[in-house]
Amino acid sequence: MVFKINLSEKGKTYHFESDSEFLIGKKIGEKFRGNELLPELSSYELEIKGTSDIAGLPGSEQIEGPALARLLLKKGKFLRRVPHKGFRRKKSVRGNEISLSISQINLSVVKKGTKALEEIFPEQNKKKEENKQEIKKEISEAI
């Protein structure tokens, strides 16, 4: 199973995919060394901040294990807008453990490494304007 990884540091997010079996069994909030995912991240320390499964359901720290559960939620992390004060809603969420049903994992940098993330992911460091120009060029070539 390929995991879509979002690695964030100071407001900038880097995306990559990993099929590492190392992440299975880890829980939200756990910290680990970056070399388990990519050799370039060997001096980084990362923390799991959140997950999403293949259906888009978020992972909750309250539920133990990888199972699905329905929680009665009030305004907060999983329920953003409420029509009135005291409103609660039942919502399906996934447990805090990473399993094969998880498709996306959100990580944050706890300890920086020797090599900057801009150097590790140079293709994601381009400006938006350059990306737009490349897309226009590809479209014109396709036509």
C-alpha atoms as a PDB file:
ATOM      1  CA  MET A   1       0.000   0.000   0.000  1.00  0.00           C
ATOM      2  CA  VAL A   2       1.363   3.407  -0.956  1.00  0.00           C
ATOM      3  CA  PHE A   3       0.978   6.148   1.648  1.00  0.00           C
ATOM      4  CA  LYS A   4       0.656   9.788   0.597  1.00  0.00           C
ATOM      5  CA  ILE A   5       2.862  11.708   3.004  1.00  0.00           C
ATOM      6  CA  ASN A   6       2.501  15.430   3.769  1.00  0.00           C
ATOM      7  CA  LEU A   7       5.563  16.758   5.584  1.00  0.00           C
ATOM      8  CA  SER A   8       5.133  20.264   7.007  1.00  0.00           C
ATOM      9  CA  GLU A   9       7.645  22.699   8.410  1.00  0.00           C
ATOM     10  CA  LYS A  10       6.970  26.362   9.215  1.00  0.00           C
ATOM     11  CA  GLY A  11       3.955  26.762   6.946  1.00  0.00           C
ATOM     12  CA  LYS A  12       5.490  24.959   3.957  1.00  0.00           C
ATOM     13  CA  THR A  13       4.313  21.454   3.067  1.00  0.00           C
ATOM     14  CA  TYR A  14       6.191  18.888   0.991  1.00  0.00           C
ATOM     15  CA  HIS A  15       4.381  15.944  -0.582  1.00  0.00           C
ATOM     16  CA  PHE A  16       5.767  12.523  -1.439  1.00  0.00           C
ATOM     17  CA  GLU A  17       4.671   8.901  -1.546  1.00  0.00           C
ATOM     18  CA  SER A  18       6.137   6.013   0.393  1.00  0.00           C
ATOM     19  CA  ASP A  19       5.385   2.299   0.486  1.00  0.00           C
ATOM     20  CA  SER A  20       7.349   1.781   3.699  1.00  0.00           C
ATOM     21  CA  GLU A  21       5.861  -0.855   5.986  1.00  0.00           C
ATOM     22  CA  PHE A  22       7.533   0.930   8.908  1.00  0.00           C
ATOM     23  CA  LEU A  23       4.542   3.213   9.470  1.00  0.00           C
ATOM     24  CA  ILE A  24       2.011   0.409   9.981  1.00  0.00           C
ATOM     25  CA  GLY A  25       1.219   0.136  13.683  1.00  0.00           C
ATOM     26  CA  LYS A  26       2.394   3.666  14.549  1.00  0.00           C
ATOM     27  CA  LYS A  27      -0.060   5.984  16.291  1.00  0.00           C
ATOM     28  CA  ILE A  28      -0.960   9.652  15.981  1.00  0.00           C
ATOM     29  CA  GLY A  29       1.417  11.660  18.146  1.00  0.00           C
ATOM     30  CA  GLU A  30       4.366   9.237  17.896  1.00  0.00           C
ATOM     31  CA  LYS A  31       7.802  10.538  16.957  1.00  0.00           C
ATOM     32  CA  PHE A  32      10.358   8.694  14.819  1.00  0.00           C
ATOM     33  CA  ARG A  33      13.562   9.194  12.836  1.00  0.00           C
ATOM     34  CA  GLY A  34      13.174  10.381   9.243  1.00  0.00           C
ATOM     35  CA  ASN A  35      15.524   7.768   7.747  1.00  0.00           C
ATOM     36  CA  GLU A  36      12.729   5.185   8.098  1.00  0.00           C
ATOM     37  CA  LEU A  37      10.860   6.960   5.273  1.00  0.00           C
ATOM     38  CA  LEU A  38      13.599   8.458   3.101  1.00  0.00           C
ATOM     39  CA  PRO A  39      17.382   8.148   3.447  1.00  0.00           C
ATOM     40  CA  GLU A  40      17.683  11.906   2.782  1.00  0.00           C
ATOM     41  CA  LEU A  41      15.705  12.604   5.975  1.00  0.00           C
ATOM     42  CA  SER A  42      18.173  10.685   8.161  1.00  0.00           C
ATOM     43  CA  SER A  43      18.934  13.536  10.573  1.00  0.00           C
ATOM     44  CA  TYR A  44      15.299  14.664  10.914  1.00  0.00           C
ATOM     45  CA  GLU A  45      12.901  13.752  13.704  1.00  0.00           C
ATOM     46  CA  LEU A  46       9.246  13.609  12.608  1.00  0.00           C
ATOM     47  CA  GLU A  47       5.917  13.439  14.429  1.00  0.00           C
ATOM     48  CA  ILE A  48       2.634  11.980  13.139  1.00  0.00           C
ATOM     49  CA  LYS A  49      -0.002  14.724  13.388  1.00  0.00           C
ATOM     50  CA  GLY A  50      -2.955  13.118  11.611  1.00  0.00           C
ATOM     51  CA  THR A  51      -4.235  10.582   9.109  1.00  0.00           C
ATOM     52  CA  SER A  52      -7.005  10.007   6.559  1.00  0.00           C
ATOM     53  CA  ASP A  53      -8.275   6.683   5.306  1.00  0.00           C
ATOM     54  CA  ILE A  54      -9.184   5.666   1.759  1.00  0.00           C
ATOM     55  CA  ALA A  55     -12.723   7.045   2.199  1.00  0.00           C
ATOM     56  CA  GLY A  56     -11.453  10.402   3.493  1.00  0.00           C
ATOM     57  CA  LEU A  57     -12.367   9.829   7.134  1.00  0.00           C
ATOM     58  CA  PRO A  58      -9.959  11.506   9.570  1.00  0.00           C
ATOM     59  CA  GLY A  59      -7.980   9.689  12.232  1.00  0.00           C
ATOM     60  CA  SER A  60      -8.896  10.514  15.830  1.00  0.00           C
ATOM     61  CA  GLU A  61      -6.536  10.390  18.790  1.00  0.00           C
ATOM     62  CA  GLN A  62      -9.432   9.370  21.071  1.00  0.00           C
ATOM     63  CA  ILE A  63     -10.097   5.969  19.437  1.00  0.00           C
ATOM     64  CA  GLU A  64      -7.547   3.208  20.103  1.00  0.00           C
ATOM     65  CA  GLY A  65      -6.601   0.936  17.227  1.00  0.00           C
ATOM     66  CA  PRO A  66      -7.329   1.134  13.495  1.00  0.00           C
ATOM     67  CA  ALA A  67     -11.116   0.597  13.686  1.00  0.00           C
ATOM     68  CA  LEU A  68     -13.921   2.881  12.549  1.00  0.00           C
ATOM     69  CA  ALA A  69     -16.118   4.531  15.178  1.00  0.00           C
ATOM     70  CA  ARG A  70     -18.904   7.079  15.339  1.00  0.00           C
ATOM     71  CA  LEU A  71     -18.272   9.893  17.781  1.00  0.00           C
ATOM     72  CA  LEU A  72     -20.646  12.547  19.076  1.00  0.00           C
ATOM     73  CA  LEU A  73     -18.689  15.719  18.343  1.00  0.00           C
ATOM     74  CA  LYS A  74     -19.039  19.329  19.370  1.00  0.00           C
ATOM     75  CA  LYS A  75     -17.376  22.325  17.705  1.00  0.00           C
ATOM     76  CA  GLY A  76     -13.643  21.757  17.431  1.00  0.00           C
ATOM     77  CA  LYS A  77     -11.145  19.755  15.439  1.00  0.00           C
ATOM     78  CA  PHE A  78     -13.494  17.603  13.314  1.00  0.00           C
ATOM     79  CA  LEU A  79     -16.600  19.815  13.366  1.00  0.00           C
ATOM     80  CA  ARG A  80     -15.803  23.348  12.212  1.00  0.00           C
ATOM     81  CA  ARG A  81     -19.135  25.099  11.648  1.00  0.00           C
ATOM     82  CA  VAL A  82     -22.133  24.703  13.917  1.00  0.00           C
ATOM     83  CA  PRO A  83     -25.561  26.305  13.486  1.00  0.00           C
ATOM     84  CA  HIS A  84     -25.983  27.245  17.159  1.00  0.00           C
ATOM     85  CA  LYS A  85     -24.351  26.997  20.566  1.00  0.00           C
ATOM     86  CA  GLY A  86     -24.427  23.503  22.068  1.00  0.00           C
ATOM     87  CA  PHE A  87     -24.844  21.783  18.693  1.00  0.00           C
ATOM     88  CA  ARG A  88     -23.402  18.261  18.440  1.00  0.00           C
ATOM     89  CA  ARG A  89     -23.202  15.827  15.540  1.00  0.00           C
ATOM     90  CA  LYS A  90     -22.294  12.171  15.115  1.00  0.00           C
ATOM     91  CA  LYS A  91     -19.451  11.636  12.702  1.00  0.00           C
ATOM     92  CA  SER A  92     -17.480   8.582  11.563  1.00  0.00           C
ATOM     93  CA  VAL A  93     -13.769   8.680  12.360  1.00  0.00           C
ATOM     94  CA  ARG A  94     -10.885   6.254  12.106  1.00  0.00           C
ATOM     95  CA  GLY A  95      -8.772   5.134  15.097  1.00  0.00           C
ATOM     96  CA  ASN A  96      -5.341   6.509  15.975  1.00  0.00           C
ATOM     97  CA  GLU A  97      -3.318   3.563  14.617  1.00  0.00           C
ATOM     98  CA  ILE A  98      -1.976   3.466  11.052  1.00  0.00           C
ATOM     99  CA  SER A  99      -3.116   0.409   9.100  1.00  0.00           C
ATOM    100  CA  LEU A 100      -3.422  -0.610   5.441  1.00  0.00           C
ATOM    101  CA  SER A 101      -6.721   1.280   5.171  1.00  0.00           C
ATOM    102  CA  ILE A 102      -4.926   4.606   5.756  1.00  0.00           C
ATOM    103  CA  SER A 103      -4.011   6.490   2.583  1.00  0.00           C
ATOM    104  CA  GLN A 104      -2.706   9.865   3.817  1.00  0.00           C
ATOM    105  CA  ILE A 105      -0.365  10.659   6.704  1.00  0.00           C
ATOM    106  CA  ASN A 106       0.402  14.163   7.935  1.00  0.00           C
ATOM    107  CA  LEU A 107       3.819  14.664   9.523  1.00  0.00           C
ATOM    108  CA  SER A 108       5.542  17.640  11.087  1.00  0.00           C
ATOM    109  CA  VAL A 109       9.224  18.285  11.692  1.00  0.00           C
ATOM    110  CA  VAL A 110      10.223  18.134  15.372  1.00  0.00           C
ATOM    111  CA  LYS A 111      13.990  18.330  14.862  1.00  0.00           C
ATOM    112  CA  LYS A 112      15.633  19.760  11.740  1.00  0.00           C
ATOM    113  CA  GLY A 113      18.283  17.871   9.865  1.00  0.00           C
ATOM    114  CA  THR A 114      21.539  18.928   8.285  1.00  0.00           C
ATOM    115  CA  LYS A 115      20.108  19.174   4.762  1.00  0.00           C
ATOM    116  CA  ALA A 116      17.234  21.633   4.145  1.00  0.00           C
ATOM    117  CA  LEU A 117      13.896  20.304   2.905  1.00  0.00           C
ATOM    118  CA  GLU A 118      14.112  22.664  -0.093  1.00  0.00           C
ATOM    119  CA  GLU A 119      17.202  20.733  -1.193  1.00  0.00           C
ATOM    120  CA  ILE A 120      15.600  17.338  -0.606  1.00  0.00           C
ATOM    121  CA  PHE A 121      12.441  18.246  -2.572  1.00  0.00           C
ATOM    122  CA  PRO A 122      13.684  20.722  -5.251  1.00  0.00           C
ATOM    123  CA  GLU A 123      10.789  20.094  -7.670  1.00  0.00           C
ATOM    124  CA  GLN A 124       8.292  21.302  -5.035  1.00  0.00           C
ATOM    125  CA  ASN A 125      10.299  24.431  -4.329  1.00  0.00           C
ATOM    126  CA  LYS A 126       9.422  26.119  -7.636  1.00  0.00           C
ATOM    127  CA  LYS A 127       7.380  29.281  -7.718  1.00  0.00           C
ATOM    128  CA  LYS A 128       3.723  29.107  -8.700  1.00  0.00           C
ATOM    129  CA  GLU A 129       4.367  31.224 -11.782  1.00  0.00           C
ATOM    130  CA  GLU A 130       6.934  28.775 -13.112  1.00  0.00           C
ATOM    131  CA  ASN A 131       4.475  25.915 -12.579  1.00  0.00           C
ATOM    132  CA  LYS A 132       1.737  27.809 -14.446  1.00  0.00           C
ATOM    133  CA  GLN A 133       4.093  28.428 -17.371  1.00  0.00           C
ATOM    134  CA  GLU A 134       5.018  24.748 -17.517  1.00  0.00           C
ATOM    135  CA  ILE A 135       1.352  23.739 -17.486  1.00  0.00           C
ATOM    136  CA  LYS A 136       0.540  26.175 -20.298  1.00  0.00           C
ATOM    137  CA  LYS A 137       3.469  24.801 -22.294  1.00  0.00           C
ATOM    138  CA  GLU A 138       2.272  21.186 -21.809  1.00  0.00           C
ATOM    139  CA  ILE A 139      -1.266  22.133 -22.830  1.00  0.00           C
ATOM    140  CA  SER A 140      -0.089  23.910 -25.987  1.00  0.00           C
ATOM    141  CA  GLU A 141       2.066  20.895 -26.924  1.00  0.00           C
ATOM    142  CA  ALA A 142      -0.853  18.534 -26.362  1.00  0.00           C
ATOM    143  CA  ILE A 143      -3.105  20.531 -28.671  1.00  0.00           C
END
